[in-house]
């Protein structure tokens, strides 16, 4: 069987996804000319198929692609905002830091020696 779909109406992504969803039932060859995508189907043994199923899948994949296209900027901003809140800022140490509260000899002493 051979089907044609207008390039003006359907994106290539929708065609590929639609065809992939039927690979369990048919051998599929995709081609194109100037105006149309061409789908050649050879059904596997014992498989019955209605062309309307493929048309419906093309419509569903086209709608999904359009929603994806229209909302991709919002999704990018949402993910960027979510990840930005997890960034930990590190600040360089001030030269004026007060290290006088620490005794270096106490820090370097073996704690076993103090507790025995």
Foldseek 3Di string as FASTA:
>chain_A
DKDKDFCVQAPPQLVVVLVVVCPVFWDWDWDDDDTIIMIDTDGDPPDDDDVVSSVVSSVVSRVVVVVCVVCVVVVVVVVCVVVVVVDDDDDDDDPPDDPVVDDPVVVPDDVVVVPD
